[in-house]
Amino acid sequence: MTSRPEWTRRKERSSAAVLRLMVWLSLRLGRAASRWVLYGIAAYFVLFAPAARRASRDYLGRALGRSAGWGDGFRHVLSFASTVHDRIYLLNDRFDLFDIRSTGHEQVQALRARGQGVIMIGAHLGSFEALRAVGRHFGGARVAMLMYEENARKINRTLEAINPAATQDIIPLGQPGSMLTARDRLDQGYLVGMLADRRLGDDPTSDQDFLGAPAPFPDGPFRVAAMLRRPVIFMTGLYLGGNRYHIHFEPLADFTETGPAQRSAAIAAAQRAYADRLSHFCRIAPYNWFNFFDFWRAS
């Protein structure tokens, strides 16, 4: 029996009550005032989370091409804390607080103009919630997330604390009607997103070159995209500091005409392209990838 991935075994360091308090303080004090607490949170995790600190240092060394120091680790955790904090405002539609720019959204517009629902595959890189702000470029398109049921429960607990209305945009995989719901959302013009840089449980993985070494990437997200037979766009919302985000869209794969006989080869090609683009963006924005565990270890 395959052991659970390390990230799923990590004890959660937050609770719904703490989240609700943070949301209340952030919405009442405002973004600028409430951001000061993030520095204390980042310092705490750098000092008292040794396993995460070691994983951060290993990853940053690969992405930066040099040894990572304490300052790099602090900046890494602070970037993560900043995007989590900004999630409060983005999920409450306070887009006016941010300077959000995008590159490549025209390609998504072209696909949607042809009546094709689009699947967005991203990573724990920057902020996926920033995509909600870019929906205005797509005629107010809504965003739904496909995720494994266990992870969906965790995310829903967080969303309920931030904005209960946002939970309706989560589609849990593993339920009888999951794929039908995803297909319906795509037919309705939704942008349906998945994150493809973490596996859950005994999901099969394929080793791909990532930042110069083989690393296991889950097959599941690409198999879902192939089954839904839709175009796939790589998407990342990079945090640039302050209130600035830059969202990138790039074509990754197109399963529209992929039949069963070609599916395995098409999935493998899409995974290789995904790992390549993730490597690229990790190198240009190294403090944005938020996997604080040994990603290069298979379990």
Protein backbone atom coordinates (compact mmCIF):
# COMPACT_ATOMS: atom_id res chain seq x y z
CA MET A 1 0.00 0.00 0.00
CA THR A 2 1.41 3.40 -1.00
CA SER A 3 1.93 5.82 1.87
CA ARG A 4 0.24 9.17 1.85
CA PRO A 5 2.30 12.05 0.47
CA GLU A 6 4.21 14.07 3.05
CA TRP A 7 2.14 17.21 2.52
CA THR A 8 -1.10 15.42 3.49
CA ARG A 9 0.50 14.18 6.73
CA ARG A 10 1.41 17.67 7.88
CA LYS A 11 -0.72 18.87 10.78
CA GLU A 12 -2.81 21.92 9.94
CA ARG A 13 -1.64 24.95 11.88
CA SER A 14 -4.88 26.89 11.66
CA SER A 15 -8.49 26.54 12.64
CA ALA A 16 -11.77 27.96 11.40
CA ALA A 17 -11.98 30.21 14.46
CA VAL A 18 -8.52 31.67 13.85
CA LEU A 19 -9.31 32.14 10.17
CA ARG A 20 -12.55 33.94 10.93
CA LEU A 21 -10.73 36.21 13.37
CA MET A 22 -8.08 36.96 10.73
CA VAL A 23 -10.78 37.67 8.14
CA TRP A 24 -12.63 39.98 10.55
CA LEU A 25 -9.47 41.91 11.44
CA SER A 26 -8.32 42.15 7.82
CA LEU A 27 -11.63 43.43 6.48
CA ARG A 28 -12.00 45.98 9.28
CA LEU A 29 -8.43 47.19 9.65
CA GLY A 30 -7.79 47.18 5.91
CA ARG A 31 -5.10 45.48 3.88
CA ALA A 32 -2.22 47.87 4.65
CA ALA A 33 -2.68 47.80 8.43
CA SER A 34 -3.32 44.07 8.74
CA ARG A 35 -0.30 43.16 6.60
CA TRP A 36 2.06 43.97 9.47
CA VAL A 37 1.15 40.75 11.26
CA LEU A 38 2.47 38.76 8.27
CA TYR A 39 6.06 39.59 9.19
CA GLY A 40 5.63 38.01 12.60
CA ILE A 41 3.96 34.95 11.10
CA ALA A 42 6.77 34.53 8.57
CA ALA A 43 9.46 34.87 11.26
CA TYR A 44 7.69 32.29 13.44
CA PHE A 45 7.53 29.68 10.67
CA VAL A 46 11.14 30.23 9.61
CA LEU A 47 12.29 29.75 13.20
CA PHE A 48 9.98 26.99 14.42
CA ALA A 49 9.12 24.85 11.36
CA PRO A 50 12.44 23.09 10.67
CA ALA A 51 11.12 20.53 8.17
CA ALA A 52 9.46 23.23 6.08
CA ARG A 53 12.58 25.39 6.39
CA ARG A 54 14.82 22.60 5.06
CA ALA A 55 12.45 21.91 2.16
CA SER A 56 12.28 25.62 1.34
CA ARG A 57 16.06 25.89 1.34
CA ASP A 58 16.43 22.85 -0.92
CA TYR A 59 13.87 24.15 -3.42
CA LEU A 60 15.22 27.71 -3.40
CA GLY A 61 18.74 26.44 -4.02
CA ARG A 62 17.49 24.71 -7.17
CA ALA A 63 15.42 27.69 -8.35
CA LEU A 64 17.98 30.39 -7.52
CA GLY A 65 21.03 28.45 -8.70
CA ARG A 66 22.86 29.23 -5.45
CA SER A 67 22.71 28.37 -1.77
CA ALA A 68 19.64 29.82 -0.08
CA GLY A 69 20.09 31.68 3.20
CA TRP A 70 17.82 32.68 6.08
CA GLY A 71 16.78 35.82 4.26
CA ASP A 72 15.65 33.79 1.27
CA GLY A 73 13.64 31.50 3.53
CA PHE A 74 11.97 34.45 5.22
CA ARG A 75 11.09 36.03 1.88
CA HIS A 76 9.68 32.69 0.67
CA VAL A 77 7.36 32.32 3.69
CA LEU A 78 6.41 36.01 3.60
CA SER A 79 5.34 35.67 -0.03
CA PHE A 80 3.17 32.70 0.91
CA ALA A 81 1.64 34.56 3.86
CA SER A 82 0.98 37.57 1.64
CA THR A 83 -0.94 35.56 -0.96
CA VAL A 84 -2.99 33.83 1.76
CA HIS A 85 -3.80 37.23 3.26
CA ASP A 86 -4.72 38.65 -0.14
CA ARG A 87 -7.05 35.69 -0.66
CA ILE A 88 -9.37 37.31 1.89
CA TYR A 89 -9.80 40.36 -0.33
CA LEU A 90 -9.83 38.56 -3.68
CA LEU A 91 -12.56 36.15 -2.54
CA ASN A 92 -14.56 39.14 -1.36
CA ASP A 93 -14.19 40.82 -4.78
CA ARG A 94 -12.00 43.67 -3.51
CA PHE A 95 -10.07 43.78 -6.78
CA ASP A 96 -9.74 47.56 -6.44
CA LEU A 97 -6.99 46.99 -3.86
CA PHE A 98 -4.66 45.35 -6.37
CA ASP A 99 -2.61 46.09 -9.45
CA ILE A 100 -3.26 42.92 -11.47
CA ARG A 101 -1.89 42.56 -14.98
CA SER A 102 -2.15 39.65 -17.35
CA THR A 103 -0.29 38.19 -20.31
CA GLY A 104 -1.82 35.76 -22.78
CA HIS A 105 -5.47 36.28 -21.84
CA GLU A 106 -6.25 36.91 -25.52
CA GLN A 107 -5.66 33.23 -26.23
CA VAL A 108 -8.22 32.27 -23.62
CA GLN A 109 -10.68 34.77 -25.10
CA ALA A 110 -10.23 33.21 -28.54
CA LEU A 111 -11.01 29.72 -27.23
CA ARG A 112 -14.08 30.92 -25.38
CA ALA A 113 -15.26 32.84 -28.44
CA ARG A 114 -15.35 29.53 -30.31
CA GLY A 115 -17.62 28.14 -27.62
CA GLN A 116 -14.96 25.94 -26.06
CA GLY A 117 -14.88 25.63 -22.30
CA VAL A 118 -11.31 26.00 -21.06
CA ILE A 119 -9.45 24.04 -18.42
CA MET A 120 -6.81 25.96 -16.47
CA ILE A 121 -4.04 23.87 -14.97
CA GLY A 122 -1.91 25.66 -12.42
CA ALA A 123 0.26 24.92 -9.40
CA HIS A 124 0.83 26.07 -5.84
CA LEU A 125 2.62 28.96 -7.49
CA GLY A 126 1.53 32.48 -6.61
CA SER A 127 -2.21 33.02 -6.32
CA PHE A 128 -4.86 31.07 -8.20
CA GLU A 129 -7.51 33.35 -6.65
CA ALA A 130 -6.13 36.27 -8.69
CA LEU A 131 -7.72 34.58 -11.71
CA ARG A 132 -11.09 35.75 -10.38
CA ALA A 133 -10.01 39.33 -11.05
CA VAL A 134 -9.12 38.55 -14.65
CA GLY A 135 -12.60 37.15 -15.25
CA ARG A 136 -13.59 40.64 -16.35
CA HIS A 137 -11.41 40.15 -19.45
CA PHE A 138 -13.56 37.16 -20.31
CA GLY A 139 -16.98 38.75 -20.11
CA GLY A 140 -17.32 38.11 -16.40
CA ALA A 141 -16.52 34.39 -16.67
CA ARG A 142 -16.73 32.50 -13.42
CA VAL A 143 -14.03 30.19 -12.12
CA ALA A 144 -14.60 26.72 -10.65
CA MET A 145 -11.94 24.48 -9.11
CA LEU A 146 -11.73 20.71 -9.51
CA MET A 147 -9.94 19.07 -6.60
CA TYR A 148 -9.75 15.81 -4.71
CA GLU A 149 -12.42 15.36 -2.08
CA GLU A 150 -10.13 15.44 0.96
CA ASN A 151 -8.47 18.62 -0.24
CA ALA A 152 -11.86 20.08 -1.19
CA ARG A 153 -13.05 19.67 2.41
CA LYS A 154 -10.01 21.55 3.71
CA ILE A 155 -10.41 24.31 1.14
CA ASN A 156 -14.13 24.61 1.83
CA ARG A 157 -13.44 25.10 5.54
CA THR A 158 -11.13 27.95 4.61
CA LEU A 159 -13.58 29.46 2.11
CA GLU A 160 -16.45 29.28 4.60
CA ALA A 161 -14.37 31.38 6.97
CA ILE A 162 -13.52 33.91 4.24
CA ASN A 163 -16.65 34.04 2.09
CA PRO A 164 -19.24 31.21 2.28
CA ALA A 165 -20.50 32.05 -1.22
CA ALA A 166 -17.17 30.94 -2.70
CA THR A 167 -17.67 27.30 -1.68
CA GLN A 168 -20.12 26.74 -4.54
CA ASP A 169 -17.23 27.05 -6.99
CA ILE A 170 -15.46 23.93 -5.68
CA ILE A 171 -16.11 20.63 -7.54
CA PRO A 172 -14.85 17.65 -5.49
CA LEU A 173 -13.44 14.78 -7.53
CA GLY A 174 -14.28 11.21 -6.61
CA GLN A 175 -18.05 11.66 -6.41
CA PRO A 176 -20.45 10.01 -8.88
CA GLY A 177 -21.40 13.25 -10.60
CA SER A 178 -18.05 15.07 -10.48
CA MET A 179 -17.18 14.78 -14.16
CA LEU A 180 -20.70 15.64 -15.25
CA THR A 181 -20.63 18.75 -13.04
CA ALA A 182 -17.27 19.78 -14.50
CA ARG A 183 -18.57 19.24 -18.04
CA ASP A 184 -21.67 21.32 -17.28
CA ARG A 185 -19.57 24.16 -15.87
CA LEU A 186 -17.39 24.14 -18.98
CA ASP A 187 -20.48 24.17 -21.20
CA GLN A 188 -21.72 27.18 -19.21
CA GLY A 189 -18.53 29.08 -20.02
CA TYR A 190 -16.72 28.61 -16.71
CA LEU A 191 -12.96 28.53 -16.47
CA VAL A 192 -12.38 25.23 -14.68
CA GLY A 193 -9.10 25.06 -12.81
CA MET A 194 -6.95 22.27 -11.38
CA LEU A 195 -3.59 22.25 -9.61
CA ALA A 196 -1.21 19.57 -10.88
CA ASP A 197 1.85 19.73 -8.64
CA ARG A 198 0.69 17.54 -5.73
CA ARG A 199 -0.61 14.03 -5.60
CA LEU A 200 -3.10 12.72 -3.07
CA GLY A 201 -3.15 9.22 -1.61
CA ASP A 202 -1.97 6.52 -4.00
CA ASP A 203 -2.50 8.52 -7.18
CA PRO A 204 -0.16 7.36 -9.96
CA THR A 205 2.67 9.73 -10.81
CA SER A 206 5.15 10.16 -13.63
CA ASP A 207 8.67 11.45 -13.11
CA GLN A 208 9.39 14.66 -15.00
CA ASP A 209 12.48 16.83 -15.10
CA PHE A 210 11.85 19.69 -12.69
CA LEU A 211 14.52 22.25 -11.89
CA GLY A 212 17.23 19.88 -13.04
CA ALA A 213 16.16 16.65 -11.33
CA PRO A 214 13.38 14.05 -11.72
CA ALA A 215 10.31 14.69 -9.57
CA PRO A 216 6.94 12.89 -9.34
CA PHE A 217 3.95 14.68 -10.85
CA PRO A 218 0.40 13.28 -10.54
CA ASP A 219 -1.25 11.89 -13.66
CA GLY A 220 -4.79 12.59 -12.45
CA PRO A 221 -5.31 16.22 -13.52
CA PHE A 222 -4.23 15.48 -17.09
CA ARG A 223 -6.36 12.35 -17.29
CA VAL A 224 -9.36 14.44 -16.19
CA ALA A 225 -8.59 17.04 -18.88
CA ALA A 226 -8.27 14.29 -21.50
CA MET A 227 -11.58 12.72 -20.46
CA LEU A 228 -13.30 16.10 -20.69
CA ARG A 229 -11.69 16.64 -24.13
CA ARG A 230 -11.00 20.34 -23.74
CA PRO A 231 -8.17 22.78 -24.45
CA VAL A 232 -5.79 23.19 -21.51
CA ILE A 233 -4.10 26.45 -20.54
CA PHE A 234 -1.24 26.75 -18.06
CA MET A 235 -2.07 29.55 -15.65
CA THR A 236 -0.16 31.20 -12.82
CA GLY A 237 -0.78 34.39 -10.87
CA LEU A 238 2.68 35.49 -9.73
CA TYR A 239 2.93 37.70 -6.65
CA LEU A 240 5.35 40.57 -7.34
CA GLY A 241 5.30 42.21 -3.91
CA GLY A 242 3.15 44.98 -2.48
CA ASN A 243 -0.24 44.78 -4.16
CA ARG A 244 1.05 43.62 -7.56
CA TYR A 245 0.22 40.40 -9.39
CA HIS A 246 1.04 39.30 -12.93
CA ILE A 247 -1.12 36.52 -14.35
CA HIS A 248 0.29 34.41 -17.17
CA PHE A 249 -1.71 32.21 -19.56
CA GLU A 250 0.02 29.81 -21.96
CA PRO A 251 -1.40 27.01 -24.14
CA LEU A 252 -0.41 23.66 -22.67
CA ALA A 253 -2.39 20.98 -24.51
CA ASP A 254 -5.55 20.43 -26.52
CA PHE A 255 -7.45 17.20 -25.93
CA THR A 256 -10.43 18.23 -28.07
CA GLU A 257 -9.67 15.72 -30.83
CA THR A 258 -7.72 13.21 -28.76
CA GLY A 259 -9.16 9.72 -29.01
CA PRO A 260 -8.58 6.81 -26.63
CA ALA A 261 -5.70 5.42 -28.71
CA GLN A 262 -3.75 8.69 -28.54
CA ARG A 263 -4.67 9.60 -24.96
CA SER A 264 -1.66 8.17 -23.09
CA ALA A 265 0.86 9.83 -25.41
CA ALA A 266 -1.01 13.15 -25.26
CA ILE A 267 -1.14 13.04 -21.45
CA ALA A 268 2.60 12.31 -21.25
CA ALA A 269 3.38 15.23 -23.58
CA ALA A 270 1.16 17.55 -21.54
CA GLN A 271 2.91 16.54 -18.31
CA ARG A 272 6.33 17.22 -19.81
CA ALA A 273 5.16 20.63 -21.00
CA TYR A 274 3.65 21.36 -17.58
CA ALA A 275 6.86 20.52 -15.69
CA ASP A 276 8.83 22.65 -18.14
CA ARG A 277 6.59 25.70 -17.66
CA LEU A 278 6.54 25.25 -13.89
CA SER A 279 10.35 25.15 -13.89
CA HIS A 280 10.42 28.31 -16.00
CA PHE A 281 8.18 30.32 -13.71
CA CYS A 282 9.85 29.02 -10.56
CA ARG A 283 13.14 30.37 -11.87
CA ILE A 284 11.76 33.81 -12.75
CA ALA A 285 9.70 34.10 -9.54
CA PRO A 286 11.39 31.66 -7.11
CA TYR A 287 9.66 32.86 -3.93
CA ASN A 288 6.24 32.07 -5.40
CA TRP A 289 6.22 28.25 -5.27
CA PHE A 290 4.58 27.20 -2.02
CA ASN A 291 5.37 23.51 -1.54
CA PHE A 292 7.14 23.41 1.82
CA PHE A 293 8.02 19.71 1.73
CA ASP A 294 10.52 17.48 -0.06
CA PHE A 295 8.93 17.49 -3.49
CA TRP A 296 11.70 15.43 -5.09
CA ARG A 297 11.04 12.50 -2.75
CA ALA A 298 8.49 10.08 -4.20
CA SER A 299 6.37 9.71 -1.02
